[in-house]
Amino acid sequence: MKAITCLLFFFIPAVLFAQTVEERTVDFITQLKQNKSDTVYVINFWATWCKPCIEELPAFQKLDSLYKNQKVKVILFSLDSKKQTEERLIPFLKKKQIACTVYTTNVVEFNKRIDEIFPDWSGAIPATLVCGKTKEGILFFEKPVTFEELEKIIHPLIVKP
């Protein structure tokens, strides 16, 4: 019985944080920007090789956890290359126990169509796009953001008057 308990102790966390990563196109992001539903989308563009990106990931994890039962969808859009997805990204997500939705994209296509995501974006990461149910329309931050900054934006959007 102790052996089974030990095995469960070691394997359950691995199963709970098993992360699948699907590829999405820029068209997917464009569709989210045009979405008229009452869901707020918080899309963070990041990469495993970007230190400021990694440092802000806990803020997105916390936001995702806090609002998981609300109409808030946190998406981490990795700009790691396709080759890095299996070798680097997925092991990184497992090690850091990232539970948010994570997508990758064809980086070449992404770079060619970056203006469609946000016209003034230089392409630097980290960057965060907030769209959906926002009074101001689409919000974009080309800098690291804190949980407090995210909370200040999201909380009023989901609190009923």
C-alpha atoms as a PDB file:
ATOM      1  CA  MET A   1       0.000   0.000   0.000  1.00  0.00           C
ATOM      2  CA  LYS A   2       2.870   2.373   0.787  1.00  0.00           C
ATOM      3  CA  ALA A   3       4.357   1.691  -2.640  1.00  0.00           C
ATOM      4  CA  ILE A   4       1.091   2.675  -4.338  1.00  0.00           C
ATOM      5  CA  THR A   5       0.828   5.820  -2.233  1.00  0.00           C
ATOM      6  CA  CYS A   6       4.394   6.780  -3.138  1.00  0.00           C
ATOM      7  CA  LEU A   7       3.751   6.197  -6.827  1.00  0.00           C
ATOM      8  CA  LEU A   8       0.608   8.326  -6.708  1.00  0.00           C
ATOM      9  CA  PHE A   9       2.506  11.073  -4.893  1.00  0.00           C
ATOM     10  CA  PHE A  10       5.058  11.247  -7.703  1.00  0.00           C
ATOM     11  CA  PHE A  11       2.849  10.674 -10.745  1.00  0.00           C
ATOM     12  CA  ILE A  12      -0.303  12.651  -9.959  1.00  0.00           C
ATOM     13  CA  PRO A  13       1.469  16.047 -10.122  1.00  0.00           C
ATOM     14  CA  ALA A  14       2.952  15.067 -13.487  1.00  0.00           C
ATOM     15  CA  VAL A  15      -0.492  14.166 -14.821  1.00  0.00           C
ATOM     16  CA  LEU A  16      -2.122  17.276 -13.366  1.00  0.00           C
ATOM     17  CA  PHE A  17       0.407  19.522 -15.050  1.00  0.00           C
ATOM     18  CA  ALA A  18       0.709  17.595 -18.302  1.00  0.00           C
ATOM     19  CA  GLN A  19       0.536  20.405 -20.798  1.00  0.00           C
ATOM     20  CA  THR A  20      -0.478  20.103 -24.410  1.00  0.00           C
ATOM     21  CA  VAL A  21       0.446  22.896 -26.757  1.00  0.00           C
ATOM     22  CA  GLU A  22      -1.436  23.470 -29.984  1.00  0.00           C
ATOM     23  CA  GLU A  23      -0.364  25.659 -32.882  1.00  0.00           C
ATOM     24  CA  ARG A  24      -2.561  28.620 -33.815  1.00  0.00           C
ATOM     25  CA  THR A  25      -2.277  31.198 -36.585  1.00  0.00           C
ATOM     26  CA  VAL A  26      -2.479  34.971 -36.510  1.00  0.00           C
ATOM     27  CA  ASP A  27      -6.043  34.530 -37.810  1.00  0.00           C
ATOM     28  CA  PHE A  28      -6.943  32.952 -34.469  1.00  0.00           C
ATOM     29  CA  ILE A  29      -5.779  36.081 -32.631  1.00  0.00           C
ATOM     30  CA  THR A  30      -7.633  38.301 -35.111  1.00  0.00           C
ATOM     31  CA  GLN A  31     -10.829  36.353 -34.421  1.00  0.00           C
ATOM     32  CA  LEU A  32     -10.419  36.856 -30.672  1.00  0.00           C
ATOM     33  CA  LYS A  33      -9.913  40.597 -31.208  1.00  0.00           C
ATOM     34  CA  GLN A  34     -13.172  40.774 -33.173  1.00  0.00           C
ATOM     35  CA  ASN A  35     -15.104  38.641 -30.693  1.00  0.00           C
ATOM     36  CA  LYS A  36     -18.189  40.453 -29.383  1.00  0.00           C
ATOM     37  CA  SER A  37     -18.932  38.037 -26.527  1.00  0.00           C
ATOM     38  CA  ASP A  38     -18.808  39.025 -22.878  1.00  0.00           C
ATOM     39  CA  THR A  39     -15.518  37.173 -22.377  1.00  0.00           C
ATOM     40  CA  VAL A  40     -12.318  39.104 -21.726  1.00  0.00           C
ATOM     41  CA  TYR A  41      -9.265  37.626 -23.449  1.00  0.00           C
ATOM     42  CA  VAL A  42      -5.849  38.266 -21.928  1.00  0.00           C
ATOM     43  CA  ILE A  43      -3.237  37.138 -24.447  1.00  0.00           C
ATOM     44  CA  ASN A  44       0.394  37.232 -23.405  1.00  0.00           C
ATOM     45  CA  PHE A  45       3.125  36.906 -26.050  1.00  0.00           C
ATOM     46  CA  TRP A  46       6.253  35.402 -24.542  1.00  0.00           C
ATOM     47  CA  ALA A  47       9.074  32.881 -25.008  1.00  0.00           C
ATOM     48  CA  THR A  48      11.073  30.566 -22.774  1.00  0.00           C
ATOM     49  CA  TRP A  49      14.299  32.393 -23.708  1.00  0.00           C
ATOM     50  CA  CYS A  50      12.926  35.797 -22.584  1.00  0.00           C
ATOM     51  CA  LYS A  51      13.823  36.549 -18.944  1.00  0.00           C
ATOM     52  CA  PRO A  52      11.219  39.345 -18.417  1.00  0.00           C
ATOM     53  CA  CYS A  53       8.601  37.042 -19.951  1.00  0.00           C
ATOM     54  CA  ILE A  54       9.396  34.268 -17.490  1.00  0.00           C
ATOM     55  CA  GLU A  55       9.402  36.705 -14.582  1.00  0.00           C
ATOM     56  CA  GLU A  56       5.835  37.833 -15.353  1.00  0.00           C
ATOM     57  CA  LEU A  57       4.360  34.349 -15.873  1.00  0.00           C
ATOM     58  CA  PRO A  58       3.262  34.032 -12.207  1.00  0.00           C
ATOM     59  CA  ALA A  59       1.054  37.108 -12.696  1.00  0.00           C
ATOM     60  CA  PHE A  60      -0.790  35.381 -15.542  1.00  0.00           C
ATOM     61  CA  GLN A  61      -0.990  32.123 -13.585  1.00  0.00           C
ATOM     62  CA  LYS A  62      -2.530  33.984 -10.647  1.00  0.00           C
ATOM     63  CA  LEU A  63      -4.964  35.842 -12.921  1.00  0.00           C
ATOM     64  CA  ASP A  64      -5.992  32.599 -14.606  1.00  0.00           C
ATOM     65  CA  SER A  65      -6.519  30.885 -11.264  1.00  0.00           C
ATOM     66  CA  LEU A  66      -8.429  33.784  -9.713  1.00  0.00           C
ATOM     67  CA  TYR A  67     -10.795  34.235 -12.673  1.00  0.00           C
ATOM     68  CA  LYS A  68     -11.106  30.665 -13.927  1.00  0.00           C
ATOM     69  CA  ASN A  69     -14.829  30.586 -13.097  1.00  0.00           C
ATOM     70  CA  GLN A  70     -15.448  33.999 -14.663  1.00  0.00           C
ATOM     71  CA  LYS A  71     -15.645  35.063 -18.288  1.00  0.00           C
ATOM     72  CA  VAL A  72     -11.902  35.669 -18.463  1.00  0.00           C
ATOM     73  CA  LYS A  73      -9.635  33.586 -20.668  1.00  0.00           C
ATOM     74  CA  VAL A  74      -5.870  33.798 -20.149  1.00  0.00           C
ATOM     75  CA  ILE A  75      -3.817  32.599 -23.119  1.00  0.00           C
ATOM     76  CA  LEU A  76      -0.038  32.334 -23.197  1.00  0.00           C
ATOM     77  CA  PHE A  77       1.081  32.592 -26.816  1.00  0.00           C
ATOM     78  CA  SER A  78       4.607  31.189 -27.019  1.00  0.00           C
ATOM     79  CA  LEU A  79       6.940  32.568 -29.658  1.00  0.00           C
ATOM     80  CA  ASP A  80       9.383  29.716 -29.237  1.00  0.00           C
ATOM     81  CA  SER A  81      10.192  28.059 -32.557  1.00  0.00           C
ATOM     82  CA  LYS A  82       8.448  24.857 -33.608  1.00  0.00           C
ATOM     83  CA  LYS A  83      11.638  22.907 -32.884  1.00  0.00           C
ATOM     84  CA  GLN A  84      11.768  24.361 -29.361  1.00  0.00           C
ATOM     85  CA  THR A  85       8.190  23.283 -28.589  1.00  0.00           C
ATOM     86  CA  GLU A  86       9.091  19.666 -27.817  1.00  0.00           C
ATOM     87  CA  GLU A  87      12.664  20.248 -26.666  1.00  0.00           C
ATOM     88  CA  ARG A  88      12.206  23.317 -24.497  1.00  0.00           C
ATOM     89  CA  LEU A  89       8.667  24.687 -24.191  1.00  0.00           C
ATOM     90  CA  ILE A  90       6.768  21.618 -22.984  1.00  0.00           C
ATOM     91  CA  PRO A  91       9.447  20.628 -20.422  1.00  0.00           C
ATOM     92  CA  PHE A  92       9.486  24.265 -19.225  1.00  0.00           C
ATOM     93  CA  LEU A  93       5.686  24.281 -18.784  1.00  0.00           C
ATOM     94  CA  LYS A  94       5.805  21.028 -16.832  1.00  0.00           C
ATOM     95  CA  LYS A  95       8.681  22.168 -14.627  1.00  0.00           C
ATOM     96  CA  LYS A  96       6.972  25.497 -13.833  1.00  0.00           C
ATOM     97  CA  GLN A  97       3.549  23.801 -13.544  1.00  0.00           C
ATOM     98  CA  ILE A  98       1.956  26.262 -15.957  1.00  0.00           C
ATOM     99  CA  ALA A  99      -1.771  25.553 -16.059  1.00  0.00           C
ATOM    100  CA  CYS A 100      -2.855  28.365 -18.419  1.00  0.00           C
ATOM    101  CA  THR A 101      -3.812  27.646 -22.009  1.00  0.00           C
ATOM    102  CA  VAL A 102      -0.642  27.764 -24.118  1.00  0.00           C
ATOM    103  CA  TYR A 103      -0.469  28.045 -27.896  1.00  0.00           C
ATOM    104  CA  THR A 104       2.432  28.325 -30.320  1.00  0.00           C
ATOM    105  CA  THR A 105       2.527  29.731 -33.821  1.00  0.00           C
ATOM    106  CA  ASN A 106       4.576  29.670 -36.970  1.00  0.00           C
ATOM    107  CA  VAL A 107       7.038  32.393 -35.988  1.00  0.00           C
ATOM    108  CA  VAL A 108       7.851  33.349 -39.600  1.00  0.00           C
ATOM    109  CA  GLU A 109       4.164  33.901 -40.400  1.00  0.00           C
ATOM    110  CA  PHE A 110       3.707  35.665 -37.070  1.00  0.00           C
ATOM    111  CA  ASN A 111       6.511  38.157 -37.751  1.00  0.00           C
ATOM    112  CA  LYS A 112       5.156  38.915 -41.228  1.00  0.00           C
ATOM    113  CA  ARG A 113       1.669  39.638 -39.856  1.00  0.00           C
ATOM    114  CA  ILE A 114       2.501  41.341 -36.561  1.00  0.00           C
ATOM    115  CA  ASP A 115       0.710  44.562 -37.587  1.00  0.00           C
ATOM    116  CA  GLU A 116      -2.565  42.607 -37.656  1.00  0.00           C
ATOM    117  CA  ILE A 117      -2.205  41.847 -33.973  1.00  0.00           C
ATOM    118  CA  PHE A 118      -1.520  45.441 -32.977  1.00  0.00           C
ATOM    119  CA  PRO A 119      -0.415  48.102 -35.485  1.00  0.00           C
ATOM    120  CA  ASP A 120       2.039  49.898 -33.169  1.00  0.00           C
ATOM    121  CA  TRP A 121       3.701  46.735 -31.855  1.00  0.00           C
ATOM    122  CA  SER A 122       7.432  46.680 -32.531  1.00  0.00           C
ATOM    123  CA  GLY A 123       7.509  42.917 -32.016  1.00  0.00           C
ATOM    124  CA  ALA A 124       9.273  43.107 -28.653  1.00  0.00           C
ATOM    125  CA  ILE A 125       8.219  40.699 -25.919  1.00  0.00           C
ATOM    126  CA  PRO A 126       6.792  40.383 -23.405  1.00  0.00           C
ATOM    127  CA  ALA A 127       3.633  41.926 -24.774  1.00  0.00           C
ATOM    128  CA  THR A 128       0.036  41.572 -23.663  1.00  0.00           C
ATOM    129  CA  LEU A 129      -3.190  42.069 -25.590  1.00  0.00           C
ATOM    130  CA  VAL A 130      -6.495  42.465 -23.733  1.00  0.00           C
ATOM    131  CA  CYS A 131      -9.595  42.258 -25.887  1.00  0.00           C
ATOM    132  CA  GLY A 132     -13.228  41.279 -25.750  1.00  0.00           C
ATOM    133  CA  LYS A 133     -15.445  42.929 -23.182  1.00  0.00           C
ATOM    134  CA  THR A 134     -13.423  46.100 -22.576  1.00  0.00           C
ATOM    135  CA  LYS A 135     -14.735  49.657 -22.455  1.00  0.00           C
ATOM    136  CA  GLU A 136     -11.568  50.987 -24.053  1.00  0.00           C
ATOM    137  CA  GLY A 137     -11.600  48.479 -26.900  1.00  0.00           C
ATOM    138  CA  ILE A 138      -8.325  46.656 -27.383  1.00  0.00           C
ATOM    139  CA  LEU A 139      -5.610  47.265 -24.812  1.00  0.00           C
ATOM    140  CA  PHE A 140      -1.982  46.494 -25.566  1.00  0.00           C
ATOM    141  CA  PHE A 141       1.116  46.557 -23.374  1.00  0.00           C
ATOM    142  CA  GLU A 142       4.573  46.160 -24.868  1.00  0.00           C
ATOM    143  CA  LYS A 143       6.273  45.675 -21.516  1.00  0.00           C
ATOM    144  CA  PRO A 144       6.226  43.307 -18.563  1.00  0.00           C
ATOM    145  CA  VAL A 145       3.030  43.593 -16.526  1.00  0.00           C
ATOM    146  CA  THR A 146       2.304  42.794 -12.903  1.00  0.00           C
ATOM    147  CA  PHE A 147      -0.643  40.976 -11.428  1.00  0.00           C
ATOM    148  CA  GLU A 148      -1.802  44.249  -9.881  1.00  0.00           C
ATOM    149  CA  GLU A 149      -1.844  45.939 -13.305  1.00  0.00           C
ATOM    150  CA  LEU A 150      -3.782  43.048 -14.809  1.00  0.00           C
ATOM    151  CA  GLU A 151      -6.191  42.929 -11.882  1.00  0.00           C
ATOM    152  CA  LYS A 152      -6.848  46.671 -12.164  1.00  0.00           C
ATOM    153  CA  ILE A 153      -7.932  46.159 -15.776  1.00  0.00           C
ATOM    154  CA  ILE A 154      -9.827  42.878 -15.463  1.00  0.00           C
ATOM    155  CA  HIS A 155     -11.674  43.210 -12.157  1.00  0.00           C
ATOM    156  CA  PRO A 156     -13.981  46.098 -13.182  1.00  0.00           C
ATOM    157  CA  LEU A 157     -14.893  44.274 -16.379  1.00  0.00           C
ATOM    158  CA  ILE A 158     -16.331  41.247 -14.619  1.00  0.00           C
ATOM    159  CA  VAL A 159     -17.847  42.841 -11.507  1.00  0.00           C
ATOM    160  CA  LYS A 160     -21.545  43.444 -11.969  1.00  0.00           C
ATOM    161  CA  PRO A 161     -22.659  46.981 -11.004  1.00  0.00           C
END
